[in-house]
N, C-alpha and C. Protein backbone atom coordinates (compact mmCIF):
# COMPACT_ATOMS: atom_id res chain seq x y z
N MET A 1 -51.55 57.13 -88.24
CA MET A 1 -51.97 56.64 -86.96
C MET A 1 -51.73 55.13 -86.88
N GLY A 2 -51.42 54.70 -85.70
CA GLY A 2 -51.08 53.30 -85.50
C GLY A 2 -52.14 52.61 -84.66
N VAL A 3 -51.66 51.79 -83.77
CA VAL A 3 -52.50 50.97 -82.91
C VAL A 3 -53.33 51.85 -81.98
N PHE A 4 -54.61 51.64 -81.90
CA PHE A 4 -55.52 52.33 -81.00
C PHE A 4 -55.44 53.85 -81.15
N GLY A 5 -55.21 54.35 -82.35
CA GLY A 5 -55.18 55.78 -82.59
C GLY A 5 -53.89 56.47 -82.18
N ARG A 6 -52.90 55.70 -81.74
CA ARG A 6 -51.62 56.28 -81.35
C ARG A 6 -50.75 56.47 -82.58
N SER A 7 -49.80 57.35 -82.47
CA SER A 7 -48.85 57.49 -83.57
C SER A 7 -47.99 56.24 -83.64
N ASP A 8 -47.50 55.91 -84.81
CA ASP A 8 -46.70 54.70 -84.97
C ASP A 8 -45.43 54.74 -84.14
N ALA A 9 -44.79 55.90 -84.04
CA ALA A 9 -43.56 56.01 -83.27
C ALA A 9 -43.83 55.73 -81.79
N ARG A 10 -44.92 56.27 -81.28
CA ARG A 10 -45.24 56.05 -79.86
C ARG A 10 -45.62 54.60 -79.61
N ALA A 11 -46.34 53.98 -80.52
CA ALA A 11 -46.71 52.58 -80.37
C ALA A 11 -45.47 51.68 -80.37
N LYS A 12 -44.50 52.00 -81.22
CA LYS A 12 -43.25 51.22 -81.25
C LYS A 12 -42.49 51.38 -79.93
N ARG A 13 -42.44 52.61 -79.41
CA ARG A 13 -41.75 52.86 -78.14
C ARG A 13 -42.41 52.08 -77.02
N GLN A 14 -43.74 52.11 -76.96
CA GLN A 14 -44.45 51.39 -75.91
C GLN A 14 -44.17 49.90 -75.98
N LYS A 15 -44.19 49.34 -77.18
CA LYS A 15 -43.95 47.91 -77.33
C LYS A 15 -42.54 47.54 -76.90
N ARG A 16 -41.58 48.37 -77.26
CA ARG A 16 -40.19 48.12 -76.90
C ARG A 16 -39.99 48.21 -75.39
N VAL A 17 -40.60 49.21 -74.77
CA VAL A 17 -40.45 49.40 -73.33
C VAL A 17 -41.16 48.29 -72.57
N ARG A 18 -42.33 47.88 -73.02
CA ARG A 18 -43.13 46.88 -72.32
C ARG A 18 -42.42 45.53 -72.26
N LYS A 19 -41.53 45.26 -73.23
CA LYS A 19 -40.77 44.01 -73.19
C LYS A 19 -39.84 43.98 -71.98
N LYS A 20 -39.35 45.14 -71.59
CA LYS A 20 -38.38 45.23 -70.50
C LYS A 20 -39.03 45.44 -69.14
N ILE A 21 -40.10 46.20 -69.11
CA ILE A 21 -40.75 46.55 -67.84
C ILE A 21 -41.98 45.69 -67.64
N ARG A 22 -41.93 44.83 -66.63
CA ARG A 22 -43.07 43.97 -66.31
C ARG A 22 -43.40 44.13 -64.84
N GLY A 23 -44.66 44.26 -64.53
CA GLY A 23 -45.08 44.34 -63.15
C GLY A 23 -45.39 42.96 -62.61
N THR A 24 -44.93 42.66 -61.41
CA THR A 24 -45.21 41.38 -60.77
C THR A 24 -46.07 41.64 -59.53
N SER A 25 -46.45 40.57 -58.86
CA SER A 25 -47.24 40.77 -57.65
C SER A 25 -46.38 41.37 -56.53
N ASP A 26 -45.07 41.10 -56.54
CA ASP A 26 -44.18 41.71 -55.55
C ASP A 26 -43.90 43.17 -55.86
N LYS A 27 -43.74 43.47 -57.14
CA LYS A 27 -43.37 44.81 -57.58
C LYS A 27 -44.20 45.18 -58.80
N PRO A 28 -45.43 45.67 -58.60
CA PRO A 28 -46.30 45.99 -59.73
C PRO A 28 -45.80 47.22 -60.50
N ARG A 29 -46.43 47.48 -61.63
CA ARG A 29 -46.01 48.55 -62.54
C ARG A 29 -46.87 49.79 -62.32
N LEU A 30 -46.21 50.94 -62.12
CA LEU A 30 -46.89 52.23 -62.04
C LEU A 30 -46.85 52.84 -63.43
N CYS A 31 -47.98 52.82 -64.12
CA CYS A 31 -48.08 53.27 -65.50
C CYS A 31 -48.69 54.66 -65.54
N VAL A 32 -48.07 55.56 -66.32
CA VAL A 32 -48.51 56.95 -66.41
C VAL A 32 -48.95 57.23 -67.84
N PHE A 33 -50.08 57.91 -67.98
CA PHE A 33 -50.53 58.40 -69.28
C PHE A 33 -50.90 59.86 -69.13
N ARG A 34 -50.48 60.66 -70.08
CA ARG A 34 -50.83 62.07 -70.04
C ARG A 34 -51.45 62.47 -71.36
N SER A 35 -52.47 63.29 -71.26
CA SER A 35 -53.07 63.89 -72.44
C SER A 35 -52.85 65.39 -72.32
N ALA A 36 -53.39 66.14 -73.23
CA ALA A 36 -53.20 67.59 -73.19
C ALA A 36 -53.86 68.21 -71.96
N ARG A 37 -54.97 67.66 -71.51
CA ARG A 37 -55.72 68.26 -70.40
C ARG A 37 -55.65 67.50 -69.09
N HIS A 38 -55.30 66.22 -69.11
CA HIS A 38 -55.37 65.40 -67.90
C HIS A 38 -54.17 64.48 -67.81
N ILE A 39 -54.02 63.88 -66.63
CA ILE A 39 -52.97 62.90 -66.40
C ILE A 39 -53.57 61.74 -65.61
N TYR A 40 -53.14 60.54 -65.93
CA TYR A 40 -53.69 59.32 -65.35
C TYR A 40 -52.54 58.46 -64.85
N ALA A 41 -52.75 57.76 -63.74
CA ALA A 41 -51.75 56.83 -63.21
C ALA A 41 -52.47 55.61 -62.68
N GLN A 42 -51.90 54.45 -62.94
CA GLN A 42 -52.46 53.23 -62.38
C GLN A 42 -51.36 52.25 -62.05
N ILE A 43 -51.59 51.45 -61.04
CA ILE A 43 -50.64 50.43 -60.62
C ILE A 43 -51.21 49.09 -61.04
N ILE A 44 -50.43 48.35 -61.84
CA ILE A 44 -50.92 47.14 -62.51
C ILE A 44 -50.06 45.95 -62.15
N ASP A 45 -50.71 44.83 -61.83
CA ASP A 45 -50.02 43.55 -61.68
C ASP A 45 -50.14 42.83 -63.02
N ASP A 46 -49.05 42.76 -63.77
CA ASP A 46 -49.10 42.18 -65.11
C ASP A 46 -49.27 40.66 -65.11
N ASN A 47 -48.94 39.99 -64.00
CA ASN A 47 -49.13 38.54 -63.95
C ASN A 47 -50.60 38.17 -63.98
N THR A 48 -51.41 38.92 -63.24
CA THR A 48 -52.84 38.63 -63.20
C THR A 48 -53.64 39.53 -64.14
N GLY A 49 -53.02 40.60 -64.63
CA GLY A 49 -53.72 41.53 -65.52
C GLY A 49 -54.71 42.41 -64.79
N ARG A 50 -54.47 42.65 -63.50
CA ARG A 50 -55.40 43.45 -62.69
C ARG A 50 -54.82 44.82 -62.39
N THR A 51 -55.67 45.82 -62.41
CA THR A 51 -55.31 47.15 -61.95
C THR A 51 -55.57 47.18 -60.46
N LEU A 52 -54.51 47.42 -59.68
CA LEU A 52 -54.62 47.41 -58.23
C LEU A 52 -55.09 48.76 -57.68
N VAL A 53 -54.56 49.84 -58.25
CA VAL A 53 -54.85 51.19 -57.78
C VAL A 53 -54.87 52.12 -58.98
N GLU A 54 -55.73 53.11 -58.96
CA GLU A 54 -55.73 54.11 -60.04
C GLU A 54 -56.04 55.48 -59.46
N ALA A 55 -55.55 56.48 -60.16
CA ALA A 55 -55.88 57.87 -59.83
C ALA A 55 -55.70 58.70 -61.10
N SER A 56 -56.50 59.71 -61.23
CA SER A 56 -56.36 60.59 -62.39
C SER A 56 -56.87 61.98 -62.01
N SER A 57 -56.62 62.91 -62.89
CA SER A 57 -57.09 64.27 -62.63
C SER A 57 -58.61 64.36 -62.79
N LEU A 58 -59.24 63.28 -63.24
CA LEU A 58 -60.70 63.24 -63.36
C LEU A 58 -61.37 62.45 -62.24
N SER A 59 -60.59 61.86 -61.33
CA SER A 59 -61.15 61.09 -60.23
C SER A 59 -62.08 61.94 -59.38
N LYS A 60 -63.13 61.34 -58.87
CA LYS A 60 -64.13 62.09 -58.11
C LYS A 60 -63.53 62.82 -56.90
N GLY A 61 -62.65 62.16 -56.19
CA GLY A 61 -62.05 62.78 -55.01
C GLY A 61 -61.03 63.87 -55.34
N LEU A 62 -60.39 63.76 -56.49
CA LEU A 62 -59.33 64.70 -56.86
C LEU A 62 -59.80 65.87 -57.70
N ALA A 63 -60.80 65.67 -58.51
CA ALA A 63 -61.23 66.71 -59.45
C ALA A 63 -61.53 68.05 -58.78
N PRO A 64 -62.23 68.07 -57.62
CA PRO A 64 -62.46 69.37 -56.98
C PRO A 64 -61.17 70.04 -56.50
N LYS A 65 -60.20 69.24 -56.02
CA LYS A 65 -58.92 69.81 -55.55
C LYS A 65 -58.10 70.35 -56.72
N ILE A 66 -58.11 69.60 -57.81
CA ILE A 66 -57.28 69.96 -58.97
C ILE A 66 -57.92 71.09 -59.75
N GLY A 67 -59.22 71.05 -59.90
CA GLY A 67 -59.92 72.07 -60.67
C GLY A 67 -59.49 72.06 -62.12
N ARG A 68 -59.04 73.19 -62.61
CA ARG A 68 -58.63 73.30 -64.01
C ARG A 68 -57.14 73.02 -64.19
N ASN A 69 -56.49 72.49 -63.16
CA ASN A 69 -55.05 72.25 -63.21
C ASN A 69 -54.70 70.81 -63.58
N GLY A 70 -55.60 70.09 -64.20
CA GLY A 70 -55.34 68.70 -64.55
C GLY A 70 -54.24 68.52 -65.56
N GLY A 71 -53.96 69.54 -66.34
CA GLY A 71 -52.94 69.43 -67.37
C GLY A 71 -51.64 70.11 -67.02
N ASN A 72 -51.40 70.42 -65.73
CA ASN A 72 -50.13 71.03 -65.38
C ASN A 72 -49.43 70.24 -64.28
N LYS A 73 -48.25 70.73 -63.87
CA LYS A 73 -47.42 69.99 -62.91
C LYS A 73 -48.06 69.91 -61.53
N LYS A 74 -48.80 70.93 -61.13
CA LYS A 74 -49.46 70.88 -59.82
C LYS A 74 -50.50 69.76 -59.79
N GLY A 75 -51.27 69.65 -60.85
CA GLY A 75 -52.26 68.57 -60.93
C GLY A 75 -51.60 67.21 -60.98
N ALA A 76 -50.49 67.10 -61.71
CA ALA A 76 -49.77 65.83 -61.79
C ALA A 76 -49.23 65.43 -60.42
N ALA A 77 -48.74 66.39 -59.66
CA ALA A 77 -48.22 66.10 -58.33
C ALA A 77 -49.34 65.60 -57.41
N LEU A 78 -50.52 66.19 -57.50
CA LEU A 78 -51.65 65.72 -56.69
C LEU A 78 -52.06 64.30 -57.07
N VAL A 79 -52.03 63.99 -58.36
CA VAL A 79 -52.36 62.63 -58.81
C VAL A 79 -51.31 61.65 -58.31
N GLY A 80 -50.03 62.03 -58.37
CA GLY A 80 -48.95 61.16 -57.89
C GLY A 80 -49.08 60.88 -56.41
N ALA A 81 -49.39 61.90 -55.62
CA ALA A 81 -49.56 61.72 -54.18
C ALA A 81 -50.76 60.82 -53.89
N SER A 82 -51.83 61.02 -54.65
CA SER A 82 -53.04 60.22 -54.44
C SER A 82 -52.81 58.75 -54.77
N VAL A 83 -52.16 58.47 -55.89
CA VAL A 83 -51.92 57.07 -56.25
C VAL A 83 -50.97 56.41 -55.26
N ALA A 84 -50.01 57.16 -54.73
CA ALA A 84 -49.10 56.61 -53.73
C ALA A 84 -49.83 56.30 -52.43
N ASP A 85 -50.69 57.21 -51.98
CA ASP A 85 -51.45 56.98 -50.76
C ASP A 85 -52.35 55.76 -50.89
N ARG A 86 -53.03 55.65 -52.01
CA ARG A 86 -53.92 54.50 -52.24
C ARG A 86 -53.13 53.20 -52.31
N ALA A 87 -51.95 53.26 -52.91
CA ALA A 87 -51.11 52.05 -53.02
C ALA A 87 -50.65 51.60 -51.64
N LEU A 88 -50.22 52.54 -50.81
CA LEU A 88 -49.75 52.18 -49.48
C LEU A 88 -50.90 51.61 -48.64
N GLU A 89 -52.11 52.13 -48.83
CA GLU A 89 -53.28 51.57 -48.13
C GLU A 89 -53.52 50.13 -48.53
N ASN A 90 -53.23 49.79 -49.79
CA ASN A 90 -53.45 48.43 -50.29
C ASN A 90 -52.23 47.54 -50.12
N GLY A 91 -51.21 48.03 -49.43
CA GLY A 91 -50.05 47.20 -49.13
C GLY A 91 -48.99 47.17 -50.23
N VAL A 92 -49.06 48.06 -51.18
CA VAL A 92 -48.06 48.13 -52.24
C VAL A 92 -47.06 49.22 -51.87
N LYS A 93 -45.80 48.83 -51.70
CA LYS A 93 -44.78 49.81 -51.32
C LYS A 93 -43.75 50.01 -52.42
N ARG A 94 -43.42 48.95 -53.15
CA ARG A 94 -42.41 49.04 -54.21
C ARG A 94 -43.08 48.82 -55.56
N VAL A 95 -42.72 49.65 -56.54
CA VAL A 95 -43.28 49.54 -57.88
C VAL A 95 -42.17 49.70 -58.92
N VAL A 96 -42.50 49.35 -60.15
CA VAL A 96 -41.65 49.62 -61.31
C VAL A 96 -42.30 50.78 -62.04
N PHE A 97 -41.54 51.83 -62.34
CA PHE A 97 -42.11 53.01 -62.97
C PHE A 97 -42.12 52.84 -64.49
N ASP A 98 -43.30 53.00 -65.07
CA ASP A 98 -43.48 52.91 -66.52
C ASP A 98 -43.97 54.26 -67.01
N ARG A 99 -43.09 54.98 -67.68
CA ARG A 99 -43.45 56.31 -68.16
C ARG A 99 -44.21 56.25 -69.47
N ASN A 100 -44.42 55.04 -69.99
CA ASN A 100 -45.32 54.81 -71.11
C ASN A 100 -44.87 55.51 -72.40
N GLY A 101 -43.56 55.64 -72.58
CA GLY A 101 -43.04 56.26 -73.79
C GLY A 101 -42.94 57.77 -73.73
N PHE A 102 -43.41 58.38 -72.63
CA PHE A 102 -43.31 59.82 -72.46
C PHE A 102 -41.96 60.16 -71.86
N LEU A 103 -41.42 61.33 -72.19
CA LEU A 103 -40.16 61.76 -71.61
C LEU A 103 -40.32 61.98 -70.12
N TYR A 104 -39.26 61.65 -69.37
CA TYR A 104 -39.26 61.88 -67.93
C TYR A 104 -38.96 63.36 -67.70
N HIS A 105 -40.01 64.15 -67.82
CA HIS A 105 -39.85 65.60 -67.83
C HIS A 105 -41.22 66.21 -67.53
N GLY A 106 -41.25 67.35 -66.90
CA GLY A 106 -42.50 68.05 -66.70
C GLY A 106 -43.49 67.32 -65.83
N ARG A 107 -44.67 67.05 -66.38
CA ARG A 107 -45.75 66.43 -65.59
C ARG A 107 -45.44 65.02 -65.17
N VAL A 108 -44.77 64.24 -66.02
CA VAL A 108 -44.42 62.86 -65.67
C VAL A 108 -43.44 62.87 -64.50
N LYS A 109 -42.46 63.76 -64.55
CA LYS A 109 -41.48 63.88 -63.47
C LYS A 109 -42.14 64.37 -62.19
N ALA A 110 -43.08 65.30 -62.28
CA ALA A 110 -43.78 65.81 -61.10
C ALA A 110 -44.60 64.71 -60.44
N LEU A 111 -45.28 63.90 -61.24
CA LEU A 111 -46.07 62.79 -60.70
C LEU A 111 -45.16 61.80 -59.99
N ALA A 112 -44.04 61.44 -60.61
CA ALA A 112 -43.11 60.48 -60.01
C ALA A 112 -42.52 61.03 -58.71
N GLY A 113 -42.14 62.29 -58.72
CA GLY A 113 -41.57 62.90 -57.51
C GLY A 113 -42.55 62.92 -56.35
N ALA A 114 -43.79 63.25 -56.63
CA ALA A 114 -44.81 63.28 -55.58
C ALA A 114 -45.09 61.88 -55.05
N ALA A 115 -45.09 60.88 -55.93
CA ALA A 115 -45.32 59.50 -55.49
C ALA A 115 -44.17 59.03 -54.59
N ARG A 116 -42.94 59.41 -54.94
CA ARG A 116 -41.78 59.05 -54.11
C ARG A 116 -41.86 59.73 -52.73
N GLU A 117 -42.23 61.01 -52.73
CA GLU A 117 -42.32 61.73 -51.46
C GLU A 117 -43.36 61.12 -50.53
N CYS A 118 -44.40 60.54 -51.09
CA CYS A 118 -45.46 59.96 -50.28
C CYS A 118 -45.16 58.53 -49.85
N GLY A 119 -44.01 57.98 -50.27
CA GLY A 119 -43.61 56.68 -49.74
C GLY A 119 -43.46 55.55 -50.73
N LEU A 120 -43.81 55.74 -52.00
CA LEU A 120 -43.59 54.67 -52.97
C LEU A 120 -42.11 54.59 -53.30
N GLU A 121 -41.61 53.37 -53.48
CA GLU A 121 -40.21 53.16 -53.81
C GLU A 121 -40.09 52.67 -55.23
N PHE A 122 -39.33 53.40 -56.04
CA PHE A 122 -38.98 52.96 -57.40
C PHE A 122 -37.77 53.71 -57.88
């Protein structure tokens, strides 16, 4: 195990990717994390270190809609749509997508696709 309980390979990937992907106030970073049961997304301005918008399969507004589907593509799509809607309400239209070392496949791809359909540009 490596940093913060992550595997060493994943920690190295995150560090390498984070050097290239930086969120600014003009174009913040949409960061995705997935676990076996849930998926989380947040939009971060790295200049100020603030999380502007967040959504997850555990969010109070989403949990009843998602139910037990937090760990599948349907749940990921609902989280992606939710984070996109909240971002547009806060005036964020363009983001940099950070898949956080996860493959762009399955739930990560479903979340990104739903966010794009709802109006986020990346």
